[in-house]
C-alpha atoms as a PDB file:
ATOM      1  CA  GLY A   1      94.589  38.569  41.958  1.00  0.00           C
ATOM      2  CA  ALA A   2      97.650  37.340  43.892  1.00  0.00           C
ATOM      3  CA  LEU A   3      97.256  33.819  42.554  1.00  0.00           C
ATOM      4  CA  LEU A   4      97.779  35.008  38.995  1.00  0.00           C
ATOM      5  CA  ARG A   5     100.455  37.555  39.791  1.00  0.00           C
ATOM      6  CA  PHE A   6     103.055  35.530  37.879  1.00  0.00           C
ATOM      7  CA  TYR A   7     101.401  36.780  34.661  1.00  0.00           C
ATOM      8  CA  ASP A   8     102.937  40.203  35.447  1.00  0.00           C
ATOM      9  CA  TYR A   9     106.392  38.740  34.805  1.00  0.00           C
ATOM     10  CA  PRO A  10     107.979  37.747  31.479  1.00  0.00           C
ATOM     11  CA  GLN A  11     106.534  34.534  30.077  1.00  0.00           C
ATOM     12  CA  VAL A  12     109.882  32.744  30.215  1.00  0.00           C
ATOM     13  CA  LEU A  13     109.650  32.880  34.056  1.00  0.00           C
ATOM     14  CA  TRP A  14     106.119  31.488  34.397  1.00  0.00           C
ATOM     15  CA  PRO A  15     106.995  27.791  34.806  1.00  0.00           C
ATOM     16  CA  TYR A  16     109.341  28.621  37.684  1.00  0.00           C
ATOM     17  CA  LEU A  17     106.859  30.891  39.419  1.00  0.00           C
ATOM     18  CA  ARG A  18     103.866  28.555  39.102  1.00  0.00           C
ATOM     19  CA  SER A  19     105.573  25.474  40.435  1.00  0.00           C
ATOM     20  CA  THR A  20     104.794  24.466  43.991  1.00  0.00           C
ATOM     21  CA  ASN A  21     106.980  21.352  44.013  1.00  0.00           C
ATOM     22  CA  LEU A  22     109.462  22.706  46.543  1.00  0.00           C
ATOM     23  CA  MET A  23     106.738  23.802  48.958  1.00  0.00           C
ATOM     24  CA  GLU A  24     104.897  20.509  48.594  1.00  0.00           C
ATOM     25  CA  ARG A  25     108.107  18.626  49.364  1.00  0.00           C
ATOM     26  CA  PHE A  26     108.708  20.760  52.450  1.00  0.00           C
ATOM     27  CA  ILE A  27     105.187  20.130  53.753  1.00  0.00           C
ATOM     28  CA  ARG A  28     105.525  16.384  53.091  1.00  0.00           C
ATOM     29  CA  GLU A  29     108.780  16.267  55.083  1.00  0.00           C
ATOM     30  CA  VAL A  30     107.243  18.214  57.981  1.00  0.00           C
ATOM     31  CA  ARG A  31     104.295  15.805  58.052  1.00  0.00           C
ATOM     32  CA  ARG A  32     106.693  12.883  58.049  1.00  0.00           C
ATOM     33  CA  GLY A  33     108.533  14.445  60.986  1.00  0.00           C
ATOM     34  CA  THR A  34     105.333  14.882  62.980  1.00  0.00           C
ATOM     35  CA  LYS A  35     104.140  11.319  62.300  1.00  0.00           C
ATOM     36  CA  VAL A  36     107.368   9.922  63.704  1.00  0.00           C
ATOM     37  CA  ARG A  37     106.630  11.774  66.942  1.00  0.00           C
ATOM     38  CA  ASP A  38     102.904  10.857  66.987  1.00  0.00           C
ATOM     39  CA  HIS A  39     102.025  14.550  67.217  1.00  0.00           C
ATOM     40  CA  LYS A  40     103.355  14.683  70.781  1.00  0.00           C
ATOM     41  CA  PHE A  41     105.384  17.799  71.356  1.00  0.00           C
ATOM     42  CA  PRO A  42     106.251  18.807  74.915  1.00  0.00           C
ATOM     43  CA  LYS A  43     106.053  22.537  74.141  1.00  0.00           C
ATOM     44  CA  ALA A  44     105.049  24.815  71.279  1.00  0.00           C
ATOM     45  CA  GLU A  45     108.737  25.622  70.842  1.00  0.00           C
ATOM     46  CA  ALA A  46     109.323  21.997  69.831  1.00  0.00           C
ATOM     47  CA  VAL A  47     107.073  22.474  66.806  1.00  0.00           C
ATOM     48  CA  TYR A  48     108.983  25.610  65.829  1.00  0.00           C
ATOM     49  CA  LYS A  49     112.239  23.726  66.218  1.00  0.00           C
ATOM     50  CA  LEU A  50     110.986  20.952  63.930  1.00  0.00           C
ATOM     51  CA  LEU A  51     109.999  23.529  61.295  1.00  0.00           C
ATOM     52  CA  TYR A  52     113.316  25.332  61.627  1.00  0.00           C
ATOM     53  CA  LEU A  53     115.412  22.186  61.378  1.00  0.00           C
ATOM     54  CA  GLU A  54     113.463  20.895  58.390  1.00  0.00           C
ATOM     55  CA  SER A  55     113.750  24.246  56.606  1.00  0.00           C
ATOM     56  CA  GLU A  56     117.503  24.251  57.210  1.00  0.00           C
ATOM     57  CA  ARG A  57     117.784  20.720  55.847  1.00  0.00           C
ATOM     58  CA  GLN A  58     115.712  21.534  52.778  1.00  0.00           C
ATOM     59  CA  GLU A  59     117.600  24.772  52.161  1.00  0.00           C
ATOM     60  CA  GLY A  60     120.829  22.814  51.972  1.00  0.00           C
ATOM     61  CA  ARG A  61     119.287  20.479  49.420  1.00  0.00           C
ATOM     62  CA  TRP A  62     117.806  23.348  47.381  1.00  0.00           C
ATOM     63  CA  ALA A  63     121.103  25.231  47.317  1.00  0.00           C
ATOM     64  CA  GLU A  64     122.746  22.328  45.497  1.00  0.00           C
ATOM     65  CA  ARG A  65     119.877  21.843  43.088  1.00  0.00           C
ATOM     66  CA  LYS A  66     119.992  23.267  39.586  1.00  0.00           C
ATOM     67  CA  LEU A  67     116.711  24.099  37.928  1.00  0.00           C
ATOM     68  CA  LYS A  68     116.357  22.685  34.447  1.00  0.00           C
ATOM     69  CA  GLY A  69     116.527  25.472  31.862  1.00  0.00           C
ATOM     70  CA  PHE A  70     117.223  28.139  34.464  1.00  0.00           C
ATOM     71  CA  SER A  71     120.277  29.458  32.640  1.00  0.00           C
ATOM     72  CA  GLU A  72     117.895  30.696  29.941  1.00  0.00           C
ATOM     73  CA  VAL A  73     115.946  32.887  32.348  1.00  0.00           C
ATOM     74  CA  LYS A  74     118.900  34.057  34.425  1.00  0.00           C
ATOM     75  CA  GLU A  75     119.531  37.027  32.136  1.00  0.00           C
ATOM     76  CA  VAL A  76     115.884  38.085  32.364  1.00  0.00           C
ATOM     77  CA  LEU A  77     116.018  37.966  36.157  1.00  0.00           C
ATOM     78  CA  GLU A  78     119.285  39.887  36.298  1.00  0.00           C
ATOM     79  CA  LYS A  79     117.839  42.607  34.065  1.00  0.00           C
ATOM     80  CA  MET A  80     114.705  42.833  36.224  1.00  0.00           C
ATOM     81  CA  PHE A  81     116.858  43.042  39.333  1.00  0.00           C
ATOM     82  CA  GLN A  82     119.000  45.828  37.882  1.00  0.00           C
ATOM     83  CA  GLU A  83     115.945  47.808  36.835  1.00  0.00           C
ATOM     84  CA  ARG A  84     114.293  47.482  40.213  1.00  0.00           C
ATOM     85  CA  TYR A  85     117.160  47.564  42.688  1.00  0.00           C
ATOM     86  CA  ALA A  86     120.155  49.201  41.015  1.00  0.00           C
ATOM     87  CA  PRO A  87     121.234  52.306  42.885  1.00  0.00           C
ATOM     88  CA  ARG A  88     119.816  55.337  41.211  1.00  0.00           C
ATOM     89  CA  THR A  89     121.844  58.486  41.007  1.00  0.00           C
ATOM     90  CA  GLN A  90     120.044  61.348  42.628  1.00  0.00           C
ATOM     91  CA  THR A  91     120.961  64.970  42.578  1.00  0.00           C
ATOM     92  CA  LEU A  92     120.190  66.930  45.660  1.00  0.00           C
ATOM     93  CA  THR A  93     119.257  70.538  45.415  1.00  0.00           C
ATOM     94  CA  HIS A  94     119.544  72.909  48.319  1.00  0.00           C
ATOM     95  CA  ASN A  95     117.369  75.955  48.607  1.00  0.00           C
ATOM     96  CA  SER A  96     119.344  78.931  49.865  1.00  0.00           C
END
C-alpha cells in the first residue's frame, strides 16, 4: 500500500513523488565516505556525525537545485497545502 501511495495525489505530481534519485545520491555519498575511512569508526557517534555532515552537505546542494517542470506543479501543491493546513475558523459554543 505505502509504495503506491503517490497514486493518491494528482497525476501531475507523480514523477516527483516516484523519483528516488536524491535518496540514491545521498546513499552513494555516504558509502563513499565510509570507504575512505575503511569502515573504521572509533565510536558509534562517528557514524552519526558522518550521516549528519553528509545530510547537511546534500541539503545545501538540494536547496539550490531547481526541479525541471516544478513550476507547473507548484500551484497544485499550494492548493493542497491550503486545503490541508490553512487555519480553519471555528466557532466555540458555551453551554450555560
